[in-house]
PDB file of N, CA and C in Angstrom:
ATOM      1  N   MET A   1     -26.904   8.191  -5.363  1.00  0.00           N
ATOM      2  CA  MET A   1     -25.540   7.982  -5.136  1.00  0.00           C
ATOM      3  C   MET A   1     -26.001   6.410  -4.890  1.00  0.00           C
ATOM      4  N   ALA A   2     -24.440   5.302  -5.413  1.00  0.00           N
ATOM      5  CA  ALA A   2     -24.800   4.215  -4.707  1.00  0.00           C
ATOM      6  C   ALA A   2     -24.201   3.599  -4.278  1.00  0.00           C
ATOM      7  N   GLN A   3     -24.836   2.253  -3.182  1.00  0.00           N
ATOM      8  CA  GLN A   3     -24.618   2.205  -1.393  1.00  0.00           C
ATOM      9  C   GLN A   3     -23.280   1.541  -1.992  1.00  0.00           C
ATOM     10  N   GLN A   4     -22.300   1.326  -1.407  1.00  0.00           N
ATOM     11  CA  GLN A   4     -21.026   0.379  -1.662  1.00  0.00           C
ATOM     12  C   GLN A   4     -21.261  -0.697  -0.498  1.00  0.00           C
ATOM     13  N   ASN A   5     -20.696  -1.145  -0.776  1.00  0.00           N
ATOM     14  CA  ASN A   5     -20.794  -2.740  -0.109  1.00  0.00           C
ATOM     15  C   ASN A   5     -19.030  -2.764   0.508  1.00  0.00           C
ATOM     16  N   TRP A   6     -19.343  -4.026   1.888  1.00  0.00           N
ATOM     17  CA  TRP A   6     -17.917  -3.970   2.451  1.00  0.00           C
ATOM     18  C   TRP A   6     -16.840  -4.540   1.762  1.00  0.00           C
ATOM     19  N   TRP A   7     -16.943  -5.195   0.943  1.00  0.00           N
ATOM     20  CA  TRP A   7     -16.779  -5.900   0.181  1.00  0.00           C
ATOM     21  C   TRP A   7     -15.677  -4.850  -1.260  1.00  0.00           C
ATOM     22  N   SER A   8     -16.524  -3.865  -1.129  1.00  0.00           N
ATOM     23  CA  SER A   8     -15.999  -3.027  -2.535  1.00  0.00           C
ATOM     24  C   SER A   8     -15.031  -2.239  -1.728  1.00  0.00           C
ATOM     25  N   GLN A   9     -14.846  -1.907  -0.438  1.00  0.00           N
ATOM     26  CA  GLN A   9     -14.227  -0.907   0.502  1.00  0.00           C
ATOM     27  C   GLN A   9     -12.795  -1.153  -0.471  1.00  0.00           C
ATOM     28  N   PRO A  10     -11.919  -0.408  -0.474  1.00  0.00           N
ATOM     29  CA  PRO A  10     -10.605  -0.062  -0.770  1.00  0.00           C
ATOM     30  C   PRO A  10      -9.943  -0.594   0.567  1.00  0.00           C
ATOM     31  N   THR A  11      -9.005  -1.801   0.567  1.00  0.00           N
ATOM     32  CA  THR A  11      -8.282  -2.503   1.554  1.00  0.00           C
ATOM     33  C   THR A  11      -6.678  -2.150   1.509  1.00  0.00           C
ATOM     34  N   ALA A  12      -5.829  -2.005   2.981  1.00  0.00           N
ATOM     35  CA  ALA A  12      -4.707  -1.662   2.957  1.00  0.00           C
ATOM     36  C   ALA A  12      -4.142  -2.997   3.930  1.00  0.00           C
ATOM     37  N   GLU A  13      -2.733  -3.971   3.389  1.00  0.00           N
ATOM     38  CA  GLU A  13      -2.577  -4.383   4.687  1.00  0.00           C
ATOM     39  C   GLU A  13      -1.205  -4.110   5.245  1.00  0.00           C
ATOM     40  N   LEU A  14      -0.410  -4.068   6.278  1.00  0.00           N
ATOM     41  CA  LEU A  14       0.639  -3.821   6.558  1.00  0.00           C
ATOM     42  C   LEU A  14       1.778  -5.021   7.250  1.00  0.00           C
ATOM     43  N   TYR A  15       2.767  -5.695   6.840  1.00  0.00           N
ATOM     44  CA  TYR A  15       3.731  -6.065   7.180  1.00  0.00           C
ATOM     45  C   TYR A  15       5.083  -5.968   6.976  1.00  0.00           C
ATOM     46  N   SER A  16       5.819  -6.318   7.552  1.00  0.00           N
ATOM     47  CA  SER A  16       7.433  -5.791   7.697  1.00  0.00           C
ATOM     48  C   SER A  16       8.065  -7.210   6.983  1.00  0.00           C
ATOM     49  N   GLU A  17       9.643  -6.748   6.501  1.00  0.00           N
ATOM     50  CA  GLU A  17      10.265  -7.763   6.560  1.00  0.00           C
ATOM     51  C   GLU A  17      11.534  -7.547   7.383  1.00  0.00           C
ATOM     52  N   VAL A  18      11.815  -8.634   8.261  1.00  0.00           N
ATOM     53  CA  VAL A  18      13.005  -8.630   8.849  1.00  0.00           C
ATOM     54  C   VAL A  18      14.249  -9.733   8.883  1.00  0.00           C
ATOM     55  N   ASP A  19      15.268  -8.872   9.398  1.00  0.00           N
ATOM     56  CA  ASP A  19      16.497  -9.047   8.814  1.00  0.00           C
ATOM     57  C   ASP A  19      17.496 -10.119  10.774  1.00  0.00           C
ATOM     58  N   ASP A  20      18.540  -9.660  11.002  1.00  0.00           N
ATOM     59  CA  ASP A  20      19.208  -9.933  12.350  1.00  0.00           C
ATOM     60  C   ASP A  20      18.684  -8.701  12.786  1.00  0.00           C
ATOM     61  N   ALA A  21      18.762  -7.603  12.295  1.00  0.00           N
ATOM     62  CA  ALA A  21      19.239  -6.295  13.338  1.00  0.00           C
ATOM     63  C   ALA A  21      17.455  -5.855  13.423  1.00  0.00           C
ATOM     64  N   GLY A  22      16.344  -6.184  12.978  1.00  0.00           N
ATOM     65  CA  GLY A  22      14.919  -5.743  13.128  1.00  0.00           C
ATOM     66  C   GLY A  22      14.412  -5.842  11.385  1.00  0.00           C
ATOM     67  N   PRO A  23      13.421  -4.973  11.977  1.00  0.00           N
ATOM     68  CA  PRO A  23      12.769  -5.235  10.195  1.00  0.00           C
ATOM     69  C   PRO A  23      13.413  -4.104   9.720  1.00  0.00           C
ATOM     70  N   THR A  24      13.706  -4.269   8.105  1.00  0.00           N
ATOM     71  CA  THR A  24      14.866  -2.877   7.165  1.00  0.00           C
ATOM     72  C   THR A  24      13.507  -2.823   6.790  1.00  0.00           C
ATOM     73  N   TRP A  25      12.256  -3.213   6.010  1.00  0.00           N
ATOM     74  CA  TRP A  25      11.343  -2.653   5.414  1.00  0.00           C
ATOM     75  C   TRP A  25       9.911  -2.872   5.878  1.00  0.00           C
ATOM     76  N   GLU A  26       9.062  -1.901   5.689  1.00  0.00           N
ATOM     77  CA  GLU A  26       7.666  -1.781   6.289  1.00  0.00           C
ATOM     78  C   GLU A  26       6.876  -1.853   4.951  1.00  0.00           C
ATOM     79  N   TYR A  27       6.320  -3.149   4.381  1.00  0.00           N
ATOM     80  CA  TYR A  27       5.098  -3.239   2.996  1.00  0.00           C
ATOM     81  C   TYR A  27       3.968  -2.746   3.280  1.00  0.00           C
ATOM     82  N   MET A  28       2.916  -2.222   2.459  1.00  0.00           N
ATOM     83  CA  MET A  28       1.435  -1.678   2.885  1.00  0.00           C
ATOM     84  C   MET A  28       1.195  -2.855   0.922  1.00  0.00           C
ATOM     85  N   VAL A  29       0.101  -3.113   1.398  1.00  0.00           N
ATOM     86  CA  VAL A  29      -0.660  -3.818   0.514  1.00  0.00           C
ATOM     87  C   VAL A  29      -1.970  -3.212   0.143  1.00  0.00           C
ATOM     88  N   ILE A  30      -2.472  -2.334  -0.883  1.00  0.00           N
ATOM     89  CA  ILE A  30      -2.955  -1.859  -1.493  1.00  0.00           C
ATOM     90  C   ILE A  30      -4.350  -2.524  -2.529  1.00  0.00           C
ATOM     91  N   THR A  31      -5.224  -3.328  -2.287  1.00  0.00           N
ATOM     92  CA  THR A  31      -6.170  -4.048  -3.062  1.00  0.00           C
ATOM     93  C   THR A  31      -7.375  -3.118  -3.193  1.00  0.00           C
ATOM     94  N   CYS A  32      -7.575  -2.898  -4.697  1.00  0.00           N
ATOM     95  CA  CYS A  32      -8.595  -1.761  -5.544  1.00  0.00           C
ATOM     96  C   CYS A  32      -9.864  -2.850  -6.150  1.00  0.00           C
ATOM     97  N   GLN A  33     -10.564  -2.819  -6.048  1.00  0.00           N
ATOM     98  CA  GLN A  33     -12.185  -3.503  -6.816  1.00  0.00           C
ATOM     99  C   GLN A  33     -12.028  -2.769  -8.303  1.00  0.00           C
ATOM    100  N   PRO A  34     -12.724  -4.027  -9.182  1.00  0.00           N
ATOM    101  CA  PRO A  34     -12.644  -3.426 -10.493  1.00  0.00           C
ATOM    102  C   PRO A  34     -13.535  -1.744 -10.274  1.00  0.00           C
ATOM    103  N   GLN A  35     -14.200  -1.851  -9.858  1.00  0.00           N
ATOM    104  CA  GLN A  35     -15.349  -0.728  -9.264  1.00  0.00           C
ATOM    105  C   GLN A  35     -14.486   0.626  -9.559  1.00  0.00           C
ATOM    106  N   GLU A  36     -13.850   0.681  -9.063  1.00  0.00           N
ATOM    107  CA  GLU A  36     -13.320   1.360  -8.451  1.00  0.00           C
ATOM    108  C   GLU A  36     -12.482   2.698  -9.669  1.00  0.00           C
ATOM    109  N   SER A  37     -12.377   3.652  -9.846  1.00  0.00           N
ATOM    110  CA  SER A  37     -12.141   4.379 -11.393  1.00  0.00           C
ATOM    111  C   SER A  37     -10.429   4.744 -11.104  1.00  0.00           C
ATOM    112  N   LEU A  38      -9.475   4.221 -12.499  1.00  0.00           N
ATOM    113  CA  LEU A  38      -8.407   4.189 -12.797  1.00  0.00           C
ATOM    114  C   LEU A  38      -8.192   5.623 -11.987  1.00  0.00           C
ATOM    115  N   ASN A  39      -8.447   6.722 -12.202  1.00  0.00           N
ATOM    116  CA  ASN A  39      -8.040   7.774 -11.264  1.00  0.00           C
ATOM    117  C   ASN A  39      -8.093   8.248  -9.539  1.00  0.00           C
ATOM    118  N   GLN A  40      -9.145   7.107  -9.024  1.00  0.00           N
ATOM    119  CA  GLN A  40      -8.944   7.484  -7.835  1.00  0.00           C
ATOM    120  C   GLN A  40      -8.282   6.002  -7.217  1.00  0.00           C
ATOM    121  N   VAL A  41      -7.939   5.310  -7.681  1.00  0.00           N
ATOM    122  CA  VAL A  41      -6.258   4.505  -7.816  1.00  0.00           C
ATOM    123  C   VAL A  41      -5.168   5.138  -7.487  1.00  0.00           C
ATOM    124  N   ARG A  42      -5.371   5.994  -8.372  1.00  0.00           N
ATOM    125  CA  ARG A  42      -3.581   6.475  -8.956  1.00  0.00           C
ATOM    126  C   ARG A  42      -3.544   7.793  -7.739  1.00  0.00           C
ATOM    127  N   ARG A  43      -4.963   8.327  -7.326  1.00  0.00           N
ATOM    128  CA  ARG A  43      -4.844   9.383  -6.160  1.00  0.00           C
ATOM    129  C   ARG A  43      -3.788   8.831  -4.721  1.00  0.00           C
ATOM    130  N   ARG A  44      -4.868   7.349  -4.697  1.00  0.00           N
ATOM    131  CA  ARG A  44      -4.265   6.864  -3.430  1.00  0.00           C
ATOM    132  C   ARG A  44      -3.574   6.412  -3.246  1.00  0.00           C
ATOM    133  N   VAL A  45      -2.730   5.581  -4.041  1.00  0.00           N
ATOM    134  CA  VAL A  45      -1.430   5.539  -4.234  1.00  0.00           C
ATOM    135  C   VAL A  45      -0.213   6.320  -4.490  1.00  0.00           C
ATOM    136  N   ILE A  46      -0.443   7.594  -4.901  1.00  0.00           N
ATOM    137  CA  ILE A  46       0.119   8.725  -5.073  1.00  0.00           C
ATOM    138  C   ILE A  46       0.356   9.765  -3.921  1.00  0.00           C
ATOM    139  N   ASP A  47      -0.629   9.834  -3.304  1.00  0.00           N
ATOM    140  CA  ASP A  47      -1.133  10.413  -1.927  1.00  0.00           C
ATOM    141  C   ASP A  47      -0.344   9.279  -0.560  1.00  0.00           C
ATOM    142  N   HIS A  48      -0.029   8.214  -1.084  1.00  0.00           N
ATOM    143  CA  HIS A  48       1.073   7.717   0.108  1.00  0.00           C
ATOM    144  C   HIS A  48       2.213   7.909  -0.412  1.00  0.00           C
ATOM    145  N   ALA A  49       2.430   7.359  -1.538  1.00  0.00           N
ATOM    146  CA  ALA A  49       3.834   8.192  -1.581  1.00  0.00           C
ATOM    147  C   ALA A  49       4.262   9.526  -1.450  1.00  0.00           C
ATOM    148  N   GLU A  50       3.837  10.012  -1.532  1.00  0.00           N
ATOM    149  CA  GLU A  50       4.272  11.281  -1.342  1.00  0.00           C
ATOM    150  C   GLU A  50       3.902  12.135   0.383  1.00  0.00           C
ATOM    151  N   TYR A  51       3.102  11.415   0.614  1.00  0.00           N
ATOM    152  CA  TYR A  51       2.903  12.112   2.390  1.00  0.00           C
ATOM    153  C   TYR A  51       3.398  11.203   3.138  1.00  0.00           C
ATOM    154  N   GLY A  52       3.242   9.697   2.976  1.00  0.00           N
ATOM    155  CA  GLY A  52       3.829   8.435   3.651  1.00  0.00           C
ATOM    156  C   GLY A  52       4.941   8.056   3.615  1.00  0.00           C
ATOM    157  N   LYS A  53       5.923   8.981   2.686  1.00  0.00           N
ATOM    158  CA  LYS A  53       7.142   8.366   1.953  1.00  0.00           C
ATOM    159  C   LYS A  53       6.936   6.769   1.652  1.00  0.00           C
ATOM    160  N   TRP A  54       6.148   6.330   1.110  1.00  0.00           N
ATOM    161  CA  TRP A  54       6.262   4.803   0.058  1.00  0.00           C
ATOM    162  C   TRP A  54       6.697   4.921  -1.352  1.00  0.00           C
ATOM    163  N   GLU A  55       7.131   3.770  -1.249  1.00  0.00           N
ATOM    164  CA  GLU A  55       7.888   3.727  -3.373  1.00  0.00           C
ATOM    165  C   GLU A  55       6.608   2.453  -3.284  1.00  0.00           C
ATOM    166  N   LEU A  56       6.370   2.657  -4.556  1.00  0.00           N
ATOM    167  CA  LEU A  56       5.318   1.598  -4.837  1.00  0.00           C
ATOM    168  C   LEU A  56       6.726   0.212  -5.605  1.00  0.00           C
ATOM    169  N   ARG A  57       6.359  -0.813  -4.832  1.00  0.00           N
ATOM    170  CA  ARG A  57       7.245  -1.644  -5.296  1.00  0.00           C
ATOM    171  C   ARG A  57       6.537  -3.070  -6.607  1.00  0.00           C
ATOM    172  N   ARG A  58       5.391  -2.824  -6.637  1.00  0.00           N
ATOM    173  CA  ARG A  58       5.433  -4.073  -7.519  1.00  0.00           C
ATOM    174  C   ARG A  58       3.345  -3.597  -7.857  1.00  0.00           C
ATOM    175  N   SER A  59       2.607  -4.092  -8.834  1.00  0.00           N
ATOM    176  CA  SER A  59       1.489  -3.781  -9.032  1.00  0.00           C
ATOM    177  C   SER A  59       1.219  -4.896  -9.666  1.00  0.00           C
ATOM    178  N   VAL A  60       0.030  -5.250  -9.809  1.00  0.00           N
ATOM    179  CA  VAL A  60      -0.694  -6.023 -10.580  1.00  0.00           C
ATOM    180  C   VAL A  60      -1.908  -6.421 -10.744  1.00  0.00           C
ATOM    181  N   MET A  61      -2.506  -6.496 -11.888  1.00  0.00           N
ATOM    182  CA  MET A  61      -3.794  -5.989 -12.229  1.00  0.00           C
ATOM    183  C   MET A  61      -4.525  -7.943 -12.236  1.00  0.00           C
ATOM    184  N   TYR A  62      -5.444  -8.767 -11.553  1.00  0.00           N
ATOM    185  CA  TYR A  62      -5.660  -9.848 -11.678  1.00  0.00           C
ATOM    186  C   TYR A  62      -7.241  -9.715 -12.510  1.00  0.00           C
ATOM    187  N   THR A  63      -7.283 -10.970 -13.148  1.00  0.00           N
ATOM    188  CA  THR A  63      -9.059 -11.509 -13.977  1.00  0.00           C
ATOM    189  C   THR A  63      -9.427 -11.346 -13.401  1.00  0.00           C
ATOM    190  N   GLY A  64     -10.632 -10.388 -13.890  1.00  0.00           N
ATOM    191  CA  GLY A  64     -11.860  -9.784 -13.453  1.00  0.00           C
ATOM    192  C   GLY A  64     -11.242  -8.589 -12.786  1.00  0.00           C
ATOM    193  N   GLY A  65     -10.392  -7.537 -13.365  1.00  0.00           N
ATOM    194  CA  GLY A  65     -10.294  -6.653 -12.974  1.00  0.00           C
ATOM    195  C   GLY A  65      -9.831  -6.177 -11.315  1.00  0.00           C
ATOM    196  N   LEU A  66      -9.599  -6.690 -10.114  1.00  0.00           N
ATOM    197  CA  LEU A  66      -8.898  -6.562  -9.040  1.00  0.00           C
ATOM    198  C   LEU A  66      -7.271  -5.760  -9.612  1.00  0.00           C
ATOM    199  N   ARG A  67      -6.985  -5.098  -8.137  1.00  0.00           N
ATOM    200  CA  ARG A  67      -5.836  -4.625  -8.688  1.00  0.00           C
ATOM    201  C   ARG A  67      -4.944  -4.409  -7.210  1.00  0.00           C
ATOM    202  N   ARG A  68      -3.927  -4.964  -7.102  1.00  0.00           N
ATOM    203  CA  ARG A  68      -3.306  -4.741  -6.139  1.00  0.00           C
ATOM    204  C   ARG A  68      -1.327  -3.649  -6.671  1.00  0.00           C
ATOM    205  N   TYR A  69      -1.517  -3.129  -5.268  1.00  0.00           N
ATOM    206  CA  TYR A  69      -0.177  -2.680  -5.274  1.00  0.00           C
ATOM    207  C   TYR A  69       0.731  -2.614  -3.856  1.00  0.00           C
ATOM    208  N   TRP A  70       1.678  -2.954  -4.108  1.00  0.00           N
ATOM    209  CA  TRP A  70       2.632  -3.518  -2.907  1.00  0.00           C
ATOM    210  C   TRP A  70       3.576  -2.061  -2.550  1.00  0.00           C
ATOM    211  N   LEU A  71       3.248  -1.407  -2.326  1.00  0.00           N
ATOM    212  CA  LEU A  71       4.150  -0.417  -1.493  1.00  0.00           C
ATOM    213  C   LEU A  71       4.845  -0.394  -0.683  1.00  0.00           C
ATOM    214  N   ARG A  72       6.470   0.117  -0.490  1.00  0.00           N
ATOM    215  CA  ARG A  72       7.394  -0.240   0.638  1.00  0.00           C
ATOM    216  C   ARG A  72       7.796   0.480   1.356  1.00  0.00           C
ATOM    217  N   ARG A  73       8.253   0.711   2.432  1.00  0.00           N
ATOM    218  CA  ARG A  73       9.433   2.144   2.920  1.00  0.00           C
ATOM    219  C   ARG A  73      10.462   1.903   3.858  1.00  0.00           C
ATOM    220  N   ARG A  74      11.399   1.817   3.823  1.00  0.00           N
ATOM    221  CA  ARG A  74      13.141   1.418   5.068  1.00  0.00           C
ATOM    222  C   ARG A  74      12.646   1.916   5.974  1.00  0.00           C
ATOM    223  N   VAL A  75      13.127   0.835   6.735  1.00  0.00           N
ATOM    224  CA  VAL A  75      12.243   1.525   8.545  1.00  0.00           C
ATOM    225  C   VAL A  75      13.549   1.929   9.081  1.00  0.00           C
ATOM    226  N   MET A  76      13.014   3.173   9.873  1.00  0.00           N
ATOM    227  CA  MET A  76      14.742   4.379  10.113  1.00  0.00           C
ATOM    228  C   MET A  76      14.666   3.925  12.053  1.00  0.00           C
ATOM    229  N   ARG A  77      15.900   3.117  11.621  1.00  0.00           N
ATOM    230  CA  ARG A  77      16.403   2.499  13.090  1.00  0.00           C
ATOM    231  C   ARG A  77      17.405   4.382  13.770  1.00  0.00           C
ATOM    232  N   VAL A  78      16.988   4.467  14.652  1.00  0.00           N
ATOM    233  CA  VAL A  78      17.676   5.959  15.443  1.00  0.00           C
ATOM    234  C   VAL A  78      18.596   5.354  16.736  1.00  0.00           C
ATOM    235  N   GLN A  79      19.606   5.760  17.074  1.00  0.00           N
ATOM    236  CA  GLN A  79      20.576   5.528  17.916  1.00  0.00           C
ATOM    237  C   GLN A  79      19.823   6.415  19.012  1.00  0.00           C
ATOM    238  N   ARG A  80      20.572   5.556  20.040  1.00  0.00           N
ATOM    239  CA  ARG A  80      19.983   6.519  21.659  1.00  0.00           C
ATOM    240  C   ARG A  80      20.914   7.379  21.318  1.00  0.00           C
ATOM    241  N   THR A  81      21.202   8.643  21.440  1.00  0.00           N
ATOM    242  CA  THR A  81      22.491   9.338  22.163  1.00  0.00           C
ATOM    243  C   THR A  81      22.754   9.175  23.703  1.00  0.00           C
ATOM    244  N   LEU A  82      22.181   9.407  24.471  1.00  0.00           N
ATOM    245  CA  LEU A  82      22.584   9.524  25.755  1.00  0.00           C
ATOM    246  C   LEU A  82      22.703   8.395  26.515  1.00  0.00           C
TER     247      LEU A  82
END
């Protein structure tokens, strides 16, 4: 079994888009290394979309094989009822 280094681990970053009423969208950026198989990456993006209610916003493949996927989901605002 091959040893994985910290730089070959998949990463995900979270940030929000904010307007006057607060955040409207929450974003997750998944960065995948060229060594990862497309099936592994696809499965991870599908799992986030299905179980975390994320939708694919953008995907980019960089020179060298690095891939980035931008996922987003709408921030739910709950009104207090009491």
